[in-house]
Amino acid sequence: MKKFFLLAFLVFSSQCIFAQNEIGPEGNKLLWTFLVLLAVTAAFVFTAKPFKKKPQKEKKPLFPNRKVLITLEKDALYYPDNLSLAVKNTGNIDIDLDQPLLVFDNFWLKRKFKLKGMGNRTFYPLYLEKGKTHTLQIDLSRFYGHDKRLKKFPKAKVYLADVKGRKLGSKSVFLRKTLFKF
């Protein structure tokens, strides 16, 4: 019985408490609030300075590809005086080329020279942008003047690496006839 009276009390008391009529928002006040917010937004949009476009930074690729195309040409078929080294950056990022290494090869003996530039100008390490080509003329008579035995070396090879020491590639040419084929 106690439970029944308690339940009846709660049911009737809740109707008494919530028996009030709810008053909705007045239409005029809601309309004025909406118009004021719209006016503030419009004033902000029309008086604000237009956003300046920031210069776009070059996007770094997800997988950087350091790739170069190396060509080494000689001016004569045998006993050339000049070599022409052309390096084209075919990768998707810019690279810093370190000094190329010129190696004269005589099967058992190798002589290595670091190339610093040409015409008494030093321009290595060299920043090579993607898609650009760099050409270097190598005068072999300077090396032959340094060591006469180099004229007997049949092969010359150029190694390229970037500044951090990663190998980019190499190319070789024969300077004179040999009995051996590589």
C-alpha atoms as a PDB file:
ATOM      1  CA  MET A   1       0.000   0.000   0.000  1.00  0.00           C
ATOM      2  CA  LYS A   2       2.817   2.368   0.767  1.00  0.00           C
ATOM      3  CA  LYS A   3       4.202   1.809  -2.665  1.00  0.00           C
ATOM      4  CA  PHE A   4       0.870   2.624  -4.286  1.00  0.00           C
ATOM      5  CA  PHE A   5       0.547   5.926  -2.412  1.00  0.00           C
ATOM      6  CA  LEU A   6       4.111   6.848  -3.221  1.00  0.00           C
ATOM      7  CA  LEU A   7       3.561   6.110  -6.895  1.00  0.00           C
ATOM      8  CA  ALA A   8       0.265   8.045  -6.953  1.00  0.00           C
ATOM      9  CA  PHE A   9       1.931  11.007  -5.238  1.00  0.00           C
ATOM     10  CA  LEU A  10       4.758  11.133  -7.717  1.00  0.00           C
ATOM     11  CA  VAL A  11       2.392  10.894 -10.722  1.00  0.00           C
ATOM     12  CA  PHE A  12       0.040  13.647  -9.529  1.00  0.00           C
ATOM     13  CA  SER A  13       2.801  15.910  -8.208  1.00  0.00           C
ATOM     14  CA  SER A  14       4.676  15.732 -11.511  1.00  0.00           C
ATOM     15  CA  GLN A  15       1.548  16.863 -13.338  1.00  0.00           C
ATOM     16  CA  CYS A  16       1.183  19.763 -10.986  1.00  0.00           C
ATOM     17  CA  ILE A  17       4.742  20.870 -11.411  1.00  0.00           C
ATOM     18  CA  PHE A  18       4.805  20.591 -15.201  1.00  0.00           C
ATOM     19  CA  ALA A  19       1.292  21.824 -15.744  1.00  0.00           C
ATOM     20  CA  GLN A  20       2.523  25.296 -16.742  1.00  0.00           C
ATOM     21  CA  ASN A  21       2.108  26.482 -20.271  1.00  0.00           C
ATOM     22  CA  GLU A  22       5.392  26.827 -22.059  1.00  0.00           C
ATOM     23  CA  ILE A  23       6.030  30.151 -23.711  1.00  0.00           C
ATOM     24  CA  GLY A  24       7.921  29.958 -26.979  1.00  0.00           C
ATOM     25  CA  PRO A  25      10.319  32.610 -28.199  1.00  0.00           C
ATOM     26  CA  GLU A  26       8.732  35.739 -29.457  1.00  0.00           C
ATOM     27  CA  GLY A  27       8.947  35.990 -33.213  1.00  0.00           C
ATOM     28  CA  ASN A  28      10.162  39.603 -33.216  1.00  0.00           C
ATOM     29  CA  LYS A  29      13.051  38.985 -30.791  1.00  0.00           C
ATOM     30  CA  LEU A  30      14.248  35.922 -32.737  1.00  0.00           C
ATOM     31  CA  LEU A  31      14.061  37.847 -36.016  1.00  0.00           C
ATOM     32  CA  TRP A  32      15.997  40.838 -34.570  1.00  0.00           C
ATOM     33  CA  THR A  33      18.705  38.564 -33.171  1.00  0.00           C
ATOM     34  CA  PHE A  34      19.112  36.882 -36.559  1.00  0.00           C
ATOM     35  CA  LEU A  35      19.314  40.246 -38.380  1.00  0.00           C
ATOM     36  CA  VAL A  36      21.943  41.613 -35.954  1.00  0.00           C
ATOM     37  CA  LEU A  37      24.125  38.505 -36.409  1.00  0.00           C
ATOM     38  CA  LEU A  38      23.729  38.783 -40.192  1.00  0.00           C
ATOM     39  CA  ALA A  39      24.706  42.489 -40.137  1.00  0.00           C
ATOM     40  CA  VAL A  40      27.797  41.834 -37.989  1.00  0.00           C
ATOM     41  CA  THR A  41      28.890  39.018 -40.303  1.00  0.00           C
ATOM     42  CA  ALA A  42      28.356  41.142 -43.433  1.00  0.00           C
ATOM     43  CA  ALA A  43      30.261  44.077 -41.904  1.00  0.00           C
ATOM     44  CA  PHE A  44      33.180  41.811 -41.060  1.00  0.00           C
ATOM     45  CA  VAL A  45      33.262  40.271 -44.545  1.00  0.00           C
ATOM     46  CA  PHE A  46      33.092  43.570 -46.467  1.00  0.00           C
ATOM     47  CA  THR A  47      35.450  45.607 -44.269  1.00  0.00           C
ATOM     48  CA  ALA A  48      38.099  42.953 -43.688  1.00  0.00           C
ATOM     49  CA  LYS A  49      41.244  43.175 -45.801  1.00  0.00           C
ATOM     50  CA  PRO A  50      41.483  40.485 -48.434  1.00  0.00           C
ATOM     51  CA  PHE A  51      43.831  37.679 -47.535  1.00  0.00           C
ATOM     52  CA  LYS A  52      47.150  37.916 -49.309  1.00  0.00           C
ATOM     53  CA  LYS A  53      48.303  34.750 -50.933  1.00  0.00           C
ATOM     54  CA  LYS A  54      51.507  33.532 -49.377  1.00  0.00           C
ATOM     55  CA  PRO A  55      54.212  32.513 -51.807  1.00  0.00           C
ATOM     56  CA  GLN A  56      53.919  28.807 -52.241  1.00  0.00           C
ATOM     57  CA  LYS A  57      56.820  26.844 -50.933  1.00  0.00           C
ATOM     58  CA  GLU A  58      58.168  24.172 -53.169  1.00  0.00           C
ATOM     59  CA  LYS A  59      56.643  20.906 -52.137  1.00  0.00           C
ATOM     60  CA  LYS A  60      59.097  18.261 -51.104  1.00  0.00           C
ATOM     61  CA  PRO A  61      58.413  14.927 -52.707  1.00  0.00           C
ATOM     62  CA  LEU A  62      57.469  12.004 -50.511  1.00  0.00           C
ATOM     63  CA  PHE A  63      60.284   9.879 -51.944  1.00  0.00           C
ATOM     64  CA  PRO A  64      63.264  12.070 -52.945  1.00  0.00           C
ATOM     65  CA  ASN A  65      64.996  10.772 -56.041  1.00  0.00           C
ATOM     66  CA  ARG A  66      68.607  11.840 -56.547  1.00  0.00           C
ATOM     67  CA  LYS A  67      69.239  10.808 -60.106  1.00  0.00           C
ATOM     68  CA  VAL A  68      71.683  12.224 -62.638  1.00  0.00           C
ATOM     69  CA  LEU A  69      72.433  11.484 -66.258  1.00  0.00           C
ATOM     70  CA  ILE A  70      76.189  11.559 -66.899  1.00  0.00           C
ATOM     71  CA  THR A  71      77.822  11.802 -70.313  1.00  0.00           C
ATOM     72  CA  LEU A  72      81.575  11.787 -70.861  1.00  0.00           C
ATOM     73  CA  GLU A  73      82.755  12.551 -74.383  1.00  0.00           C
ATOM     74  CA  LYS A  74      86.220  12.853 -75.887  1.00  0.00           C
ATOM     75  CA  ASP A  75      87.282  15.145 -78.719  1.00  0.00           C
ATOM     76  CA  ALA A  76      89.237  12.471 -80.626  1.00  0.00           C
ATOM     77  CA  LEU A  77      88.782   8.739 -81.022  1.00  0.00           C
ATOM     78  CA  TYR A  78      92.282   7.952 -79.690  1.00  0.00           C
ATOM     79  CA  TYR A  79      94.615  10.120 -77.594  1.00  0.00           C
ATOM     80  CA  PRO A  80      92.137  12.951 -76.939  1.00  0.00           C
ATOM     81  CA  ASP A  81      93.246  16.299 -75.522  1.00  0.00           C
ATOM     82  CA  ASN A  82      89.919  17.247 -73.930  1.00  0.00           C
ATOM     83  CA  LEU A  83      87.066  15.459 -72.237  1.00  0.00           C
ATOM     84  CA  SER A  84      83.600  16.932 -71.885  1.00  0.00           C
ATOM     85  CA  LEU A  85      81.604  15.973 -68.798  1.00  0.00           C
ATOM     86  CA  ALA A  86      77.874  16.781 -68.827  1.00  0.00           C
ATOM     87  CA  VAL A  87      75.683  16.165 -65.797  1.00  0.00           C
ATOM     88  CA  LYS A  88      71.903  16.498 -66.020  1.00  0.00           C
ATOM     89  CA  ASN A  89      69.751  16.331 -62.893  1.00  0.00           C
ATOM     90  CA  THR A  90      66.868  14.020 -63.850  1.00  0.00           C
ATOM     91  CA  GLY A  91      65.682  13.455 -60.264  1.00  0.00           C
ATOM     92  CA  ASN A  92      62.777  15.173 -58.548  1.00  0.00           C
ATOM     93  CA  ILE A  93      64.883  17.223 -56.092  1.00  0.00           C
ATOM     94  CA  ASP A  94      67.831  19.606 -56.297  1.00  0.00           C
ATOM     95  CA  ILE A  95      71.263  18.204 -55.488  1.00  0.00           C
ATOM     96  CA  ASP A  96      74.654  19.499 -54.357  1.00  0.00           C
ATOM     97  CA  LEU A  97      77.390  18.003 -56.494  1.00  0.00           C
ATOM     98  CA  ASP A  98      80.720  17.402 -54.836  1.00  0.00           C
ATOM     99  CA  GLN A  99      84.001  17.608 -56.737  1.00  0.00           C
ATOM    100  CA  PRO A 100      84.094  14.971 -59.492  1.00  0.00           C
ATOM    101  CA  LEU A 101      86.837  12.385 -59.191  1.00  0.00           C
ATOM    102  CA  LEU A 102      88.853  11.697 -62.366  1.00  0.00           C
ATOM    103  CA  VAL A 103      90.559   8.304 -62.336  1.00  0.00           C
ATOM    104  CA  PHE A 104      93.171   7.226 -64.864  1.00  0.00           C
ATOM    105  CA  ASP A 105      93.148   3.418 -65.007  1.00  0.00           C
ATOM    106  CA  ASN A 106      95.952   1.123 -66.140  1.00  0.00           C
ATOM    107  CA  PHE A 107      94.406  -2.219 -65.062  1.00  0.00           C
ATOM    108  CA  TRP A 108      96.685  -2.594 -61.996  1.00  0.00           C
ATOM    109  CA  LEU A 109      97.462   1.033 -61.278  1.00  0.00           C
ATOM    110  CA  LYS A 110      94.995   3.874 -60.729  1.00  0.00           C
ATOM    111  CA  ARG A 111      95.682   7.604 -60.391  1.00  0.00           C
ATOM    112  CA  LYS A 112      92.928   9.718 -58.857  1.00  0.00           C
ATOM    113  CA  PHE A 113      92.425  13.468 -59.219  1.00  0.00           C
ATOM    114  CA  LYS A 114      89.693  15.670 -57.773  1.00  0.00           C
ATOM    115  CA  LEU A 115      88.397  18.225 -60.258  1.00  0.00           C
ATOM    116  CA  LYS A 116      87.873  21.635 -58.686  1.00  0.00           C
ATOM    117  CA  GLY A 117      86.772  23.577 -61.744  1.00  0.00           C
ATOM    118  CA  MET A 118      88.100  24.773 -65.082  1.00  0.00           C
ATOM    119  CA  GLY A 119      90.031  27.752 -66.350  1.00  0.00           C
ATOM    120  CA  ASN A 120      91.636  28.374 -62.927  1.00  0.00           C
ATOM    121  CA  ARG A 121      88.175  28.869 -61.432  1.00  0.00           C
ATOM    122  CA  THR A 122      86.827  26.787 -58.574  1.00  0.00           C
ATOM    123  CA  PHE A 123      83.077  26.194 -58.507  1.00  0.00           C
ATOM    124  CA  TYR A 124      82.560  22.945 -56.649  1.00  0.00           C
ATOM    125  CA  PRO A 125      80.494  22.008 -54.650  1.00  0.00           C
ATOM    126  CA  LEU A 126      77.824  22.909 -57.197  1.00  0.00           C
ATOM    127  CA  TYR A 127      74.077  23.308 -56.550  1.00  0.00           C
ATOM    128  CA  LEU A 128      72.233  21.699 -59.465  1.00  0.00           C
ATOM    129  CA  GLU A 129      68.487  22.279 -59.710  1.00  0.00           C
ATOM    130  CA  LYS A 130      66.192  19.609 -61.066  1.00  0.00           C
ATOM    131  CA  GLY A 131      66.095  19.539 -64.851  1.00  0.00           C
ATOM    132  CA  LYS A 132      69.292  21.625 -65.239  1.00  0.00           C
ATOM    133  CA  THR A 133      72.510  20.547 -66.955  1.00  0.00           C
ATOM    134  CA  HIS A 134      76.110  21.308 -65.971  1.00  0.00           C
ATOM    135  CA  THR A 135      78.998  20.919 -68.416  1.00  0.00           C
ATOM    136  CA  LEU A 136      82.683  20.725 -67.524  1.00  0.00           C
ATOM    137  CA  GLN A 137      85.568  20.737 -70.010  1.00  0.00           C
ATOM    138  CA  ILE A 138      88.513  18.654 -68.767  1.00  0.00           C
ATOM    139  CA  ASP A 139      91.901  19.504 -70.305  1.00  0.00           C
ATOM    140  CA  LEU A 140      93.977  16.323 -70.171  1.00  0.00           C
ATOM    141  CA  SER A 141      97.246  18.083 -71.075  1.00  0.00           C
ATOM    142  CA  ARG A 142      97.366  19.550 -67.542  1.00  0.00           C
ATOM    143  CA  PHE A 143      97.316  16.047 -66.107  1.00  0.00           C
ATOM    144  CA  TYR A 144      99.852  14.791 -68.641  1.00  0.00           C
ATOM    145  CA  GLY A 145     102.111  17.727 -67.721  1.00  0.00           C
ATOM    146  CA  HIS A 146     101.833  16.704 -64.079  1.00  0.00           C
ATOM    147  CA  ASP A 147     102.759  13.057 -64.748  1.00  0.00           C
ATOM    148  CA  LYS A 148     104.057  11.870 -68.148  1.00  0.00           C
ATOM    149  CA  ARG A 149     103.172   8.240 -67.397  1.00  0.00           C
ATOM    150  CA  LEU A 150      99.453   9.082 -67.571  1.00  0.00           C
ATOM    151  CA  LYS A 151      99.627   9.103 -71.400  1.00  0.00           C
ATOM    152  CA  LYS A 152     100.041   5.325 -71.249  1.00  0.00           C
ATOM    153  CA  PHE A 153      96.873   4.816 -69.193  1.00  0.00           C
ATOM    154  CA  PRO A 154      94.175   3.535 -71.559  1.00  0.00           C
ATOM    155  CA  LYS A 155      91.064   4.406 -69.567  1.00  0.00           C
ATOM    156  CA  ALA A 156      89.669   7.474 -67.821  1.00  0.00           C
ATOM    157  CA  LYS A 157      86.677   7.342 -65.498  1.00  0.00           C
ATOM    158  CA  VAL A 158      84.730  10.082 -63.723  1.00  0.00           C
ATOM    159  CA  TYR A 159      82.905   9.418 -60.438  1.00  0.00           C
ATOM    160  CA  LEU A 160      80.201  11.764 -59.135  1.00  0.00           C
ATOM    161  CA  ALA A 161      78.866  12.036 -55.591  1.00  0.00           C
ATOM    162  CA  ASP A 162      76.823  14.570 -53.692  1.00  0.00           C
ATOM    163  CA  VAL A 163      78.130  16.634 -50.786  1.00  0.00           C
ATOM    164  CA  LYS A 164      76.957  14.082 -48.210  1.00  0.00           C
ATOM    165  CA  GLY A 165      78.993  11.354 -49.902  1.00  0.00           C
ATOM    166  CA  ARG A 166      76.169   9.464 -51.648  1.00  0.00           C
ATOM    167  CA  LYS A 167      77.315   8.099 -54.999  1.00  0.00           C
ATOM    168  CA  LEU A 168      75.398   9.448 -57.978  1.00  0.00           C
ATOM    169  CA  GLY A 169      77.120   7.567 -60.792  1.00  0.00           C
ATOM    170  CA  SER A 170      80.163   7.218 -62.984  1.00  0.00           C
ATOM    171  CA  LYS A 171      81.134   7.176 -66.645  1.00  0.00           C
ATOM    172  CA  SER A 172      84.279   5.980 -68.403  1.00  0.00           C
ATOM    173  CA  VAL A 173      85.974   6.351 -71.808  1.00  0.00           C
ATOM    174  CA  PHE A 174      88.936   4.680 -73.470  1.00  0.00           C
ATOM    175  CA  LEU A 175      91.770   7.038 -74.312  1.00  0.00           C
ATOM    176  CA  ARG A 176      93.801   4.644 -76.459  1.00  0.00           C
ATOM    177  CA  LYS A 177      93.563   1.176 -77.986  1.00  0.00           C
ATOM    178  CA  THR A 178      93.965  -1.852 -75.758  1.00  0.00           C
ATOM    179  CA  LEU A 179      94.022  -5.586 -76.197  1.00  0.00           C
ATOM    180  CA  PHE A 180      91.387  -6.007 -73.501  1.00  0.00           C
ATOM    181  CA  LYS A 181      87.661  -5.252 -73.834  1.00  0.00           C
ATOM    182  CA  PHE A 182      85.673  -4.243 -70.801  1.00  0.00           C
END
